[in-house]
PDB file of N, CA and C in Angstrom:
ATOM      1  N   MET A   1      79.561 -30.405  11.782  1.00  0.00           N
ATOM      2  CA  MET A   1      78.462 -31.346  11.832  1.00  0.00           C
ATOM      3  C   MET A   1      78.141 -31.813  10.415  1.00  0.00           C
ATOM      4  N   GLU A   2      77.893 -33.082  10.305  1.00  0.00           N
ATOM      5  CA  GLU A   2      77.502 -33.671   9.026  1.00  0.00           C
ATOM      6  C   GLU A   2      76.080 -33.230   8.670  1.00  0.00           C
ATOM      7  N   THR A   3      75.837 -33.009   7.379  1.00  0.00           N
ATOM      8  CA  THR A   3      74.498 -32.668   6.903  1.00  0.00           C
ATOM      9  C   THR A   3      74.168 -33.504   5.674  1.00  0.00           C
ATOM     10  N   VAL A   4      72.886 -33.591   5.375  1.00  0.00           N
ATOM     11  CA  VAL A   4      72.429 -34.285   4.176  1.00  0.00           C
ATOM     12  C   VAL A   4      71.200 -33.546   3.644  1.00  0.00           C
ATOM     13  N   LYS A   5      71.144 -33.365   2.318  1.00  0.00           N
ATOM     14  CA  LYS A   5      70.031 -32.676   1.677  1.00  0.00           C
ATOM     15  C   LYS A   5      69.015 -33.708   1.215  1.00  0.00           C
ATOM     16  N   LYS A   6      67.731 -33.400   1.456  1.00  0.00           N
ATOM     17  CA  LYS A   6      66.685 -34.358   1.118  1.00  0.00           C
ATOM     18  C   LYS A   6      65.401 -33.610   0.762  1.00  0.00           C
ATOM     19  N   ALA A   7      64.720 -34.057  -0.284  1.00  0.00           N
ATOM     20  CA  ALA A   7      63.407 -33.514  -0.632  1.00  0.00           C
ATOM     21  C   ALA A   7      62.361 -34.189   0.249  1.00  0.00           C
ATOM     22  N   VAL A   8      61.534 -33.378   0.879  1.00  0.00           N
ATOM     23  CA  VAL A   8      60.519 -33.875   1.806  1.00  0.00           C
ATOM     24  C   VAL A   8      59.168 -33.328   1.353  1.00  0.00           C
ATOM     25  N   TYR A   9      58.156 -34.160   1.377  1.00  0.00           N
ATOM     26  CA  TYR A   9      56.799 -33.695   1.121  1.00  0.00           C
ATOM     27  C   TYR A   9      56.169 -33.372   2.459  1.00  0.00           C
ATOM     28  N   VAL A  10      55.904 -32.067   2.671  1.00  0.00           N
ATOM     29  CA  VAL A  10      55.321 -31.620   3.935  1.00  0.00           C
ATOM     30  C   VAL A  10      53.834 -31.369   3.743  1.00  0.00           C
ATOM     31  N   THR A  11      53.079 -31.623   4.781  1.00  0.00           N
ATOM     32  CA  THR A  11      51.636 -31.463   4.735  1.00  0.00           C
ATOM     33  C   THR A  11      51.269 -29.994   4.920  1.00  0.00           C
ATOM     34  N   LYS A  12      50.629 -29.439   3.900  1.00  0.00           N
ATOM     35  CA  LYS A  12      50.167 -28.058   3.961  1.00  0.00           C
ATOM     36  C   LYS A  12      48.833 -28.015   4.698  1.00  0.00           C
ATOM     37  N   PRO A  13      48.450 -26.837   5.181  1.00  0.00           N
ATOM     38  CA  PRO A  13      47.105 -26.719   5.747  1.00  0.00           C
ATOM     39  C   PRO A  13      46.086 -27.191   4.707  1.00  0.00           C
ATOM     40  N   GLY A  14      45.155 -27.989   5.122  1.00  0.00           N
ATOM     41  CA  GLY A  14      44.195 -28.565   4.201  1.00  0.00           C
ATOM     42  C   GLY A  14      44.568 -29.975   3.790  1.00  0.00           C
ATOM     43  N   GLY A  15      45.791 -30.416   4.148  1.00  0.00           N
ATOM     44  CA  GLY A  15      46.183 -31.797   3.939  1.00  0.00           C
ATOM     45  C   GLY A  15      46.968 -32.110   2.680  1.00  0.00           C
ATOM     46  N   GLU A  16      47.163 -31.136   1.783  1.00  0.00           N
ATOM     47  CA  GLU A  16      47.911 -31.408   0.557  1.00  0.00           C
ATOM     48  C   GLU A  16      49.408 -31.464   0.830  1.00  0.00           C
ATOM     49  N   PRO A  17      50.114 -32.417   0.210  1.00  0.00           N
ATOM     50  CA  PRO A  17      51.572 -32.437   0.360  1.00  0.00           C
ATOM     51  C   PRO A  17      52.236 -31.451  -0.601  1.00  0.00           C
ATOM     52  N   ALA A  18      53.336 -30.862  -0.139  1.00  0.00           N
ATOM     53  CA  ALA A  18      54.109 -29.943  -0.974  1.00  0.00           C
ATOM     54  C   ALA A  18      55.587 -30.271  -0.804  1.00  0.00           C
ATOM     55  N   PRO A  19      56.365 -30.280  -1.894  1.00  0.00           N
ATOM     56  CA  PRO A  19      57.787 -30.598  -1.771  1.00  0.00           C
ATOM     57  C   PRO A  19      58.572 -29.438  -1.155  1.00  0.00           C
ATOM     58  N   LEU A  20      59.519 -29.785  -0.310  1.00  0.00           N
ATOM     59  CA  LEU A  20      60.417 -28.818   0.306  1.00  0.00           C
ATOM     60  C   LEU A  20      61.771 -29.501   0.462  1.00  0.00           C
ATOM     61  N   THR A  21      62.822 -28.875  -0.076  1.00  0.00           N
ATOM     62  CA  THR A  21      64.153 -29.449   0.053  1.00  0.00           C
ATOM     63  C   THR A  21      64.787 -28.927   1.333  1.00  0.00           C
ATOM     64  N   LEU A  22      65.144 -29.868   2.204  1.00  0.00           N
ATOM     65  CA  LEU A  22      65.725 -29.546   3.508  1.00  0.00           C
ATOM     66  C   LEU A  22      67.146 -30.080   3.582  1.00  0.00           C
ATOM     67  N   THR A  23      68.013 -29.350   4.256  1.00  0.00           N
ATOM     68  CA  THR A  23      69.336 -29.844   4.593  1.00  0.00           C
ATOM     69  C   THR A  23      69.285 -30.211   6.069  1.00  0.00           C
ATOM     70  N   PHE A  24      69.324 -31.520   6.319  1.00  0.00           N
ATOM     71  CA  PHE A  24      69.207 -32.022   7.685  1.00  0.00           C
ATOM     72  C   PHE A  24      70.558 -32.063   8.381  1.00  0.00           C
ATOM     73  N   LYS A  25      70.540 -31.756   9.664  1.00  0.00           N
ATOM     74  CA  LYS A  25      71.704 -31.945  10.526  1.00  0.00           C
ATOM     75  C   LYS A  25      71.737 -33.409  10.934  1.00  0.00           C
ATOM     76  N   ILE A  26      72.908 -34.008  10.906  1.00  0.00           N
ATOM     77  CA  ILE A  26      73.072 -35.383  11.361  1.00  0.00           C
ATOM     78  C   ILE A  26      73.832 -35.316  12.689  1.00  0.00           C
ATOM     79  N   PRO A  27      73.121 -35.468  13.807  1.00  0.00           N
ATOM     80  CA  PRO A  27      73.784 -35.372  15.100  1.00  0.00           C
ATOM     81  C   PRO A  27      74.707 -36.560  15.345  1.00  0.00           C
ATOM     82  N   SER A  28      75.668 -36.340  16.217  1.00  0.00           N
ATOM     83  CA  SER A  28      76.563 -37.428  16.602  1.00  0.00           C
ATOM     84  C   SER A  28      75.790 -38.450  17.424  1.00  0.00           C
ATOM     85  N   LEU A  29      76.387 -39.614  17.600  1.00  0.00           N
ATOM     86  CA  LEU A  29      75.757 -40.639  18.436  1.00  0.00           C
ATOM     87  C   LEU A  29      75.582 -40.136  19.865  1.00  0.00           C
ATOM     88  N   ALA A  30      76.534 -39.374  20.371  1.00  0.00           N
ATOM     89  CA  ALA A  30      76.418 -38.828  21.729  1.00  0.00           C
ATOM     90  C   ALA A  30      75.219 -37.889  21.831  1.00  0.00           C
ATOM     91  N   GLU A  31      74.990 -37.070  20.810  1.00  0.00           N
ATOM     92  CA  GLU A  31      73.831 -36.174  20.819  1.00  0.00           C
ATOM     93  C   GLU A  31      72.522 -36.965  20.759  1.00  0.00           C
ATOM     94  N   LEU A  32      72.504 -38.036  19.976  1.00  0.00           N
ATOM     95  CA  LEU A  32      71.301 -38.877  19.910  1.00  0.00           C
ATOM     96  C   LEU A  32      70.997 -39.524  21.252  1.00  0.00           C
ATOM     97  N   HIS A  33      72.031 -40.009  21.914  1.00  0.00           N
ATOM     98  CA  HIS A  33      71.826 -40.663  23.209  1.00  0.00           C
ATOM     99  C   HIS A  33      71.440 -39.665  24.294  1.00  0.00           C
ATOM    100  N   ALA A  34      71.861 -38.408  24.180  1.00  0.00           N
ATOM    101  CA  ALA A  34      71.542 -37.391  25.175  1.00  0.00           C
ATOM    102  C   ALA A  34      70.146 -36.806  24.975  1.00  0.00           C
ATOM    103  N   ALA A  35      69.597 -36.908  23.774  1.00  0.00           N
ATOM    104  CA  ALA A  35      68.325 -36.263  23.445  1.00  0.00           C
ATOM    105  C   ALA A  35      67.186 -36.612  24.402  1.00  0.00           C
ATOM    106  N   PRO A  36      66.985 -37.877  24.777  1.00  0.00           N
ATOM    107  CA  PRO A  36      65.862 -38.178  25.666  1.00  0.00           C
ATOM    108  C   PRO A  36      65.988 -37.535  27.052  1.00  0.00           C
ATOM    109  N   ASN A  37      67.170 -37.102  27.435  1.00  0.00           N
ATOM    110  CA  ASN A  37      67.379 -36.510  28.754  1.00  0.00           C
ATOM    111  C   ASN A  37      67.204 -34.993  28.750  1.00  0.00           C
ATOM    112  N   GLN A  38      66.876 -34.426  27.599  1.00  0.00           N
ATOM    113  CA  GLN A  38      66.697 -32.984  27.474  1.00  0.00           C
ATOM    114  C   GLN A  38      65.217 -32.632  27.645  1.00  0.00           C
ATOM    115  N   PRO A  39      64.934 -31.375  28.014  1.00  0.00           N
ATOM    116  CA  PRO A  39      63.523 -30.954  28.108  1.00  0.00           C
ATOM    117  C   PRO A  39      62.833 -31.080  26.752  1.00  0.00           C
ATOM    118  N   THR A  40      61.538 -31.298  26.765  1.00  0.00           N
ATOM    119  CA  THR A  40      60.777 -31.410  25.524  1.00  0.00           C
ATOM    120  C   THR A  40      60.789 -30.062  24.806  1.00  0.00           C
ATOM    121  N   PRO A  41      61.217 -30.046  23.548  1.00  0.00           N
ATOM    122  CA  PRO A  41      61.315 -28.777  22.818  1.00  0.00           C
ATOM    123  C   PRO A  41      59.977 -28.346  22.234  1.00  0.00           C
ATOM    124  N   THR A  42      59.902 -27.085  21.874  1.00  0.00           N
ATOM    125  CA  THR A  42      58.768 -26.612  21.079  1.00  0.00           C
ATOM    126  C   THR A  42      58.939 -27.163  19.661  1.00  0.00           C
ATOM    127  N   THR A  43      57.923 -27.029  18.853  1.00  0.00           N
ATOM    128  CA  THR A  43      58.029 -27.479  17.469  1.00  0.00           C
ATOM    129  C   THR A  43      59.139 -26.726  16.747  1.00  0.00           C
ATOM    130  N   ALA A  44      59.228 -25.417  16.959  1.00  0.00           N
ATOM    131  CA  ALA A  44      60.282 -24.633  16.308  1.00  0.00           C
ATOM    132  C   ALA A  44      61.665 -25.088  16.769  1.00  0.00           C
ATOM    133  N   GLU A  45      61.823 -25.375  18.057  1.00  0.00           N
ATOM    134  CA  GLU A  45      63.102 -25.869  18.564  1.00  0.00           C
ATOM    135  C   GLU A  45      63.457 -27.213  17.952  1.00  0.00           C
ATOM    136  N   ALA A  46      62.459 -28.067  17.785  1.00  0.00           N
ATOM    137  CA  ALA A  46      62.702 -29.370  17.154  1.00  0.00           C
ATOM    138  C   ALA A  46      63.169 -29.177  15.712  1.00  0.00           C
ATOM    139  N   LEU A  47      62.535 -28.253  15.000  1.00  0.00           N
ATOM    140  CA  LEU A  47      62.942 -27.980  13.623  1.00  0.00           C
ATOM    141  C   LEU A  47      64.372 -27.451  13.577  1.00  0.00           C
ATOM    142  N   LEU A  48      64.729 -26.571  14.501  1.00  0.00           N
ATOM    143  CA  LEU A  48      66.090 -26.025  14.550  1.00  0.00           C
ATOM    144  C   LEU A  48      67.112 -27.103  14.874  1.00  0.00           C
ATOM    145  N   PHE A  49      66.736 -28.105  15.661  1.00  0.00           N
ATOM    146  CA  PHE A  49      67.631 -29.219  15.986  1.00  0.00           C
ATOM    147  C   PHE A  49      67.876 -30.084  14.752  1.00  0.00           C
ATOM    148  N   MET A  50      66.836 -30.267  13.930  1.00  0.00           N
ATOM    149  CA  MET A  50      66.919 -31.185  12.801  1.00  0.00           C
ATOM    150  C   MET A  50      67.410 -30.554  11.502  1.00  0.00           C
ATOM    151  N   ILE A  51      67.111 -29.283  11.282  1.00  0.00           N
ATOM    152  CA  ILE A  51      67.331 -28.658   9.979  1.00  0.00           C
ATOM    153  C   ILE A  51      68.474 -27.649  10.039  1.00  0.00           C
ATOM    154  N   ALA A  52      69.384 -27.749   9.080  1.00  0.00           N
ATOM    155  CA  ALA A  52      70.467 -26.774   8.942  1.00  0.00           C
ATOM    156  C   ALA A  52      70.055 -25.649   7.991  1.00  0.00           C
ATOM    157  N   ASP A  53      69.285 -26.002   6.945  1.00  0.00           N
ATOM    158  CA  ASP A  53      68.894 -25.022   5.937  1.00  0.00           C
ATOM    159  C   ASP A  53      67.748 -25.604   5.122  1.00  0.00           C
ATOM    160  N   TRP A  54      67.125 -24.749   4.327  1.00  0.00           N
ATOM    161  CA  TRP A  54      66.088 -25.202   3.400  1.00  0.00           C
ATOM    162  C   TRP A  54      66.145 -24.381   2.136  1.00  0.00           C
ATOM    163  N   GLU A  55      65.523 -24.896   1.084  1.00  0.00           N
ATOM    164  CA  GLU A  55      65.411 -24.169  -0.175  1.00  0.00           C
ATOM    165  C   GLU A  55      64.007 -23.588  -0.219  1.00  0.00           C
ATOM    166  N   ALA A  56      63.900 -22.343   0.259  1.00  0.00           N
ATOM    167  CA  ALA A  56      62.616 -21.651   0.333  1.00  0.00           C
ATOM    168  C   ALA A  56      62.850 -20.167   0.080  1.00  0.00           C
ATOM    169  N   ASP A  57      61.773 -19.413   0.027  1.00  0.00           N
ATOM    170  CA  ASP A  57      61.862 -17.981  -0.253  1.00  0.00           C
ATOM    171  C   ASP A  57      62.504 -17.190   0.883  1.00  0.00           C
ATOM    172  N   MET A  58      62.502 -17.746   2.081  1.00  0.00           N
ATOM    173  CA  MET A  58      63.075 -17.070   3.247  1.00  0.00           C
ATOM    174  C   MET A  58      64.198 -17.924   3.806  1.00  0.00           C
ATOM    175  N   PRO A  59      65.207 -17.285   4.417  1.00  0.00           N
ATOM    176  CA  PRO A  59      66.284 -18.072   5.026  1.00  0.00           C
ATOM    177  C   PRO A  59      65.748 -18.862   6.212  1.00  0.00           C
ATOM    178  N   PHE A  60      66.409 -19.973   6.507  1.00  0.00           N
ATOM    179  CA  PHE A  60      65.998 -20.781   7.656  1.00  0.00           C
ATOM    180  C   PHE A  60      66.687 -20.235   8.903  1.00  0.00           C
ATOM    181  N   ASN A  61      65.872 -19.839   9.887  1.00  0.00           N
ATOM    182  CA  ASN A  61      66.384 -19.349  11.166  1.00  0.00           C
ATOM    183  C   ASN A  61      65.290 -19.535  12.220  1.00  0.00           C
ATOM    184  N   ALA A  62      65.520 -19.058  13.420  1.00  0.00           N
ATOM    185  CA  ALA A  62      64.555 -19.261  14.508  1.00  0.00           C
ATOM    186  C   ALA A  62      63.199 -18.642  14.177  1.00  0.00           C
ATOM    187  N   ASP A  63      63.204 -17.458  13.574  1.00  0.00           N
ATOM    188  CA  ASP A  63      61.937 -16.797  13.248  1.00  0.00           C
ATOM    189  C   ASP A  63      61.154 -17.561  12.189  1.00  0.00           C
ATOM    190  N   THR A  64      61.841 -18.000  11.126  1.00  0.00           N
ATOM    191  CA  THR A  64      61.124 -18.720  10.071  1.00  0.00           C
ATOM    192  C   THR A  64      60.744 -20.126  10.522  1.00  0.00           C
ATOM    193  N   ALA A  65      61.508 -20.712  11.427  1.00  0.00           N
ATOM    194  CA  ALA A  65      61.118 -22.016  11.986  1.00  0.00           C
ATOM    195  C   ALA A  65      59.813 -21.877  12.769  1.00  0.00           C
ATOM    196  N   ARG A  66      59.687 -20.788  13.533  1.00  0.00           N
ATOM    197  CA  ARG A  66      58.435 -20.548  14.270  1.00  0.00           C
ATOM    198  C   ARG A  66      57.273 -20.316  13.313  1.00  0.00           C
ATOM    199  N   LEU A  67      57.502 -19.526  12.261  1.00  0.00           N
ATOM    200  CA  LEU A  67      56.447 -19.292  11.261  1.00  0.00           C
ATOM    201  C   LEU A  67      56.022 -20.597  10.597  1.00  0.00           C
ATOM    202  N   PHE A  68      56.995 -21.404  10.224  1.00  0.00           N
ATOM    203  CA  PHE A  68      56.708 -22.695   9.605  1.00  0.00           C
ATOM    204  C   PHE A  68      55.912 -23.583  10.564  1.00  0.00           C
ATOM    205  N   ALA A  69      56.339 -23.644  11.819  1.00  0.00           N
ATOM    206  CA  ALA A  69      55.641 -24.470  12.818  1.00  0.00           C
ATOM    207  C   ALA A  69      54.206 -23.992  13.013  1.00  0.00           C
ATOM    208  N   ASP A  70      54.002 -22.679  13.040  1.00  0.00           N
ATOM    209  CA  ASP A  70      52.660 -22.124  13.238  1.00  0.00           C
ATOM    210  C   ASP A  70      51.756 -22.334  12.029  1.00  0.00           C
ATOM    211  N   ASN A  71      52.326 -22.205  10.825  1.00  0.00           N
ATOM    212  CA  ASN A  71      51.510 -22.262   9.604  1.00  0.00           C
ATOM    213  C   ASN A  71      51.383 -23.648   8.985  1.00  0.00           C
ATOM    214  N   TYR A  72      52.279 -24.555   9.360  1.00  0.00           N
ATOM    215  CA  TYR A  72      52.249 -25.916   8.827  1.00  0.00           C
ATOM    216  C   TYR A  72      52.319 -26.920   9.987  1.00  0.00           C
ATOM    217  N   PRO A  73      51.311 -26.920  10.853  1.00  0.00           N
ATOM    218  CA  PRO A  73      51.391 -27.779  12.044  1.00  0.00           C
ATOM    219  C   PRO A  73      51.488 -29.269  11.730  1.00  0.00           C
ATOM    220  N   GLY A  74      50.969 -29.703  10.601  1.00  0.00           N
ATOM    221  CA  GLY A  74      51.047 -31.114  10.237  1.00  0.00           C
ATOM    222  C   GLY A  74      52.379 -31.527   9.648  1.00  0.00           C
ATOM    223  N   ALA A  75      53.230 -30.558   9.367  1.00  0.00           N
ATOM    224  CA  ALA A  75      54.489 -30.850   8.696  1.00  0.00           C
ATOM    225  C   ALA A  75      55.557 -31.425   9.616  1.00  0.00           C
ATOM    226  N   LEU A  76      55.456 -31.206  10.926  1.00  0.00           N
ATOM    227  CA  LEU A  76      56.504 -31.696  11.823  1.00  0.00           C
ATOM    228  C   LEU A  76      56.683 -33.201  11.695  1.00  0.00           C
ATOM    229  N   ASN A  77      55.597 -33.938  11.634  1.00  0.00           N
ATOM    230  CA  ASN A  77      55.700 -35.388  11.508  1.00  0.00           C
ATOM    231  C   ASN A  77      56.395 -35.781  10.202  1.00  0.00           C
ATOM    232  N   ASP A  78      56.084 -35.069   9.121  1.00  0.00           N
ATOM    233  CA  ASP A  78      56.730 -35.340   7.826  1.00  0.00           C
ATOM    234  C   ASP A  78      58.235 -35.092   7.916  1.00  0.00           C
ATOM    235  N   VAL A  79      58.609 -33.969   8.520  1.00  0.00           N
ATOM    236  CA  VAL A  79      60.021 -33.616   8.670  1.00  0.00           C
ATOM    237  C   VAL A  79      60.713 -34.616   9.591  1.00  0.00           C
ATOM    238  N   LEU A  80      60.068 -34.950  10.690  1.00  0.00           N
ATOM    239  CA  LEU A  80      60.649 -35.889  11.658  1.00  0.00           C
ATOM    240  C   LEU A  80      60.908 -37.249  11.027  1.00  0.00           C
ATOM    241  N   GLN A  81      59.966 -37.753  10.250  1.00  0.00           N
ATOM    242  CA  GLN A  81      60.160 -39.054   9.604  1.00  0.00           C
ATOM    243  C   GLN A  81      61.308 -39.009   8.604  1.00  0.00           C
ATOM    244  N   ALA A  82      61.368 -37.945   7.797  1.00  0.00           N
ATOM    245  CA  ALA A  82      62.442 -37.831   6.808  1.00  0.00           C
ATOM    246  C   ALA A  82      63.795 -37.658   7.498  1.00  0.00           C
ATOM    247  N   TRP A  83      63.841 -36.865   8.572  1.00  0.00           N
ATOM    248  CA  TRP A  83      65.081 -36.664   9.319  1.00  0.00           C
ATOM    249  C   TRP A  83      65.531 -37.988   9.943  1.00  0.00           C
ATOM    250  N   GLY A  84      64.595 -38.733  10.520  1.00  0.00           N
ATOM    251  CA  GLY A  84      64.934 -40.025  11.117  1.00  0.00           C
ATOM    252  C   GLY A  84      65.542 -40.977  10.100  1.00  0.00           C
ATOM    253  N   GLN A  85      64.979 -40.997   8.901  1.00  0.00           N
ATOM    254  CA  GLN A  85      65.544 -41.831   7.832  1.00  0.00           C
ATOM    255  C   GLN A  85      66.945 -41.363   7.465  1.00  0.00           C
ATOM    256  N   ALA A  86      67.129 -40.044   7.371  1.00  0.00           N
ATOM    257  CA  ALA A  86      68.440 -39.500   7.021  1.00  0.00           C
ATOM    258  C   ALA A  86      69.478 -39.833   8.090  1.00  0.00           C
ATOM    259  N   VAL A  87      69.090 -39.715   9.349  1.00  0.00           N
ATOM    260  CA  VAL A  87      70.013 -40.027  10.454  1.00  0.00           C
ATOM    261  C   VAL A  87      70.349 -41.517  10.447  1.00  0.00           C
ATOM    262  N   SER A  88      69.331 -42.348  10.280  1.00  0.00           N
ATOM    263  CA  SER A  88      69.566 -43.797  10.248  1.00  0.00           C
ATOM    264  C   SER A  88      70.497 -44.190   9.113  1.00  0.00           C
ATOM    265  N   GLN A  89      70.280 -43.612   7.933  1.00  0.00           N
ATOM    266  CA  GLN A  89      71.133 -43.916   6.790  1.00  0.00           C
ATOM    267  C   GLN A  89      72.551 -43.414   7.010  1.00  0.00           C
ATOM    268  N   ALA A  90      72.682 -42.215   7.578  1.00  0.00           N
ATOM    269  CA  ALA A  90      74.010 -41.636   7.786  1.00  0.00           C
ATOM    270  C   ALA A  90      74.819 -42.430   8.801  1.00  0.00           C
ATOM    271  N   HIS A  91      74.161 -42.870   9.854  1.00  0.00           N
ATOM    272  CA  HIS A  91      74.885 -43.598  10.902  1.00  0.00           C
ATOM    273  C   HIS A  91      74.997 -45.086  10.587  1.00  0.00           C
ATOM    274  N   GLY A  92      73.975 -45.617   9.911  1.00  0.00           N
ATOM    275  CA  GLY A  92      73.971 -47.016   9.487  1.00  0.00           C
ATOM    276  C   GLY A  92      74.721 -47.956  10.400  1.00  0.00           C
ATOM    277  N   HIS A  93      75.849 -48.418   9.957  1.00  0.00           N
ATOM    278  CA  HIS A  93      76.640 -49.402  10.689  1.00  0.00           C
ATOM    279  C   HIS A  93      77.242 -48.832  11.978  1.00  0.00           C
ATOM    280  N   ARG A  94      77.378 -47.506  12.090  1.00  0.00           N
ATOM    281  CA  ARG A  94      77.963 -46.912  13.298  1.00  0.00           C
ATOM    282  C   ARG A  94      77.086 -47.139  14.519  1.00  0.00           C
ATOM    283  N   ILE A  95      75.762 -47.145  14.315  1.00  0.00           N
ATOM    284  CA  ILE A  95      74.853 -47.333  15.448  1.00  0.00           C
ATOM    285  C   ILE A  95      74.677 -48.815  15.752  1.00  0.00           C
ATOM    286  N   GLY A  96      74.559 -49.637  14.718  1.00  0.00           N
ATOM    287  CA  GLY A  96      74.392 -51.073  14.899  1.00  0.00           C
ATOM    288  C   GLY A  96      73.192 -51.411  15.755  1.00  0.00           C
ATOM    289  N   SER A  97      73.386 -52.207  16.763  1.00  0.00           N
ATOM    290  CA  SER A  97      72.271 -52.676  17.590  1.00  0.00           C
ATOM    291  C   SER A  97      71.706 -51.580  18.475  1.00  0.00           C
ATOM    292  N   ALA A  98      72.385 -50.460  18.623  1.00  0.00           N
ATOM    293  CA  ALA A  98      71.868 -49.369  19.450  1.00  0.00           C
ATOM    294  C   ALA A  98      70.832 -48.536  18.708  1.00  0.00           C
ATOM    295  N   ALA A  99      70.668 -48.766  17.403  1.00  0.00           N
ATOM    296  CA  ALA A  99      69.776 -47.931  16.598  1.00  0.00           C
ATOM    297  C   ALA A  99      68.363 -47.841  17.151  1.00  0.00           C
ATOM    298  N   PRO A 100      67.684 -48.938  17.464  1.00  0.00           N
ATOM    299  CA  PRO A 100      66.316 -48.798  17.944  1.00  0.00           C
ATOM    300  C   PRO A 100      66.217 -47.962  19.214  1.00  0.00           C
ATOM    301  N   ALA A 101      67.109 -48.158  20.149  1.00  0.00           N
ATOM    302  CA  ALA A 101      67.066 -47.406  21.407  1.00  0.00           C
ATOM    303  C   ALA A 101      67.384 -45.938  21.168  1.00  0.00           C
ATOM    304  N   ALA A 102      68.410 -45.658  20.401  1.00  0.00           N
ATOM    305  CA  ALA A 102      68.803 -44.270  20.154  1.00  0.00           C
ATOM    306  C   ALA A 102      67.713 -43.534  19.391  1.00  0.00           C
ATOM    307  N   TRP A 103      67.174 -44.172  18.361  1.00  0.00           N
ATOM    308  CA  TRP A 103      66.165 -43.513  17.541  1.00  0.00           C
ATOM    309  C   TRP A 103      64.871 -43.332  18.305  1.00  0.00           C
ATOM    310  N   SER A 104      64.442 -44.323  19.094  1.00  0.00           N
ATOM    311  CA  SER A 104      63.159 -44.197  19.790  1.00  0.00           C
ATOM    312  C   SER A 104      63.180 -43.040  20.781  1.00  0.00           C
ATOM    313  N   GLY A 105      64.312 -42.824  21.435  1.00  0.00           N
ATOM    314  CA  GLY A 105      64.403 -41.708  22.378  1.00  0.00           C
ATOM    315  C   GLY A 105      64.277 -40.374  21.678  1.00  0.00           C
ATOM    316  N   VAL A 106      64.919 -40.217  20.544  1.00  0.00           N
ATOM    317  CA  VAL A 106      64.837 -38.973  19.793  1.00  0.00           C
ATOM    318  C   VAL A 106      63.436 -38.802  19.222  1.00  0.00           C
ATOM    319  N   ARG A 107      62.885 -39.869  18.660  1.00  0.00           N
ATOM    320  CA  ARG A 107      61.528 -39.801  18.086  1.00  0.00           C
ATOM    321  C   ARG A 107      60.531 -39.407  19.150  1.00  0.00           C
ATOM    322  N   ASP A 108      60.616 -40.004  20.333  1.00  0.00           N
ATOM    323  CA  ASP A 108      59.679 -39.688  21.405  1.00  0.00           C
ATOM    324  C   ASP A 108      59.819 -38.244  21.862  1.00  0.00           C
ATOM    325  N   ARG A 109      61.026 -37.727  21.856  1.00  0.00           N
ATOM    326  CA  ARG A 109      61.260 -36.371  22.301  1.00  0.00           C
ATOM    327  C   ARG A 109      60.627 -35.358  21.365  1.00  0.00           C
ATOM    328  N   TYR A 110      60.708 -35.589  20.063  1.00  0.00           N
ATOM    329  CA  TYR A 110      60.239 -34.620  19.095  1.00  0.00           C
ATOM    330  C   TYR A 110      58.857 -34.894  18.561  1.00  0.00           C
ATOM    331  N   HIS A 111      58.252 -35.970  18.903  1.00  0.00           N
ATOM    332  CA  HIS A 111      56.941 -36.302  18.349  1.00  0.00           C
ATOM    333  C   HIS A 111      55.843 -35.846  19.265  1.00  0.00           C
TER     334      HIS A 111
END
């Protein structure tokens, strides 16, 4: 699977942004098109779908994704927006006119 590293400002409790470097997973076009047909994930599941790794004090895994989701509830939107930009840039011309439909289904699923 293709990945891309990106610095993201995530919203900390209290509303302050904090930088976090994430390595995003870039799903295939087939995975993007299938996403709207899947059950709605938990926040931790959404993070696991989008993130391959992060530069933090703890390794990125299911347990730390749950901790992050519980302790930084406002951060999902920040991560989702940055991941969406990364996916759009990575696929660029490959998606073409299907981009709005493919992206809206994924955005709706995880938002």
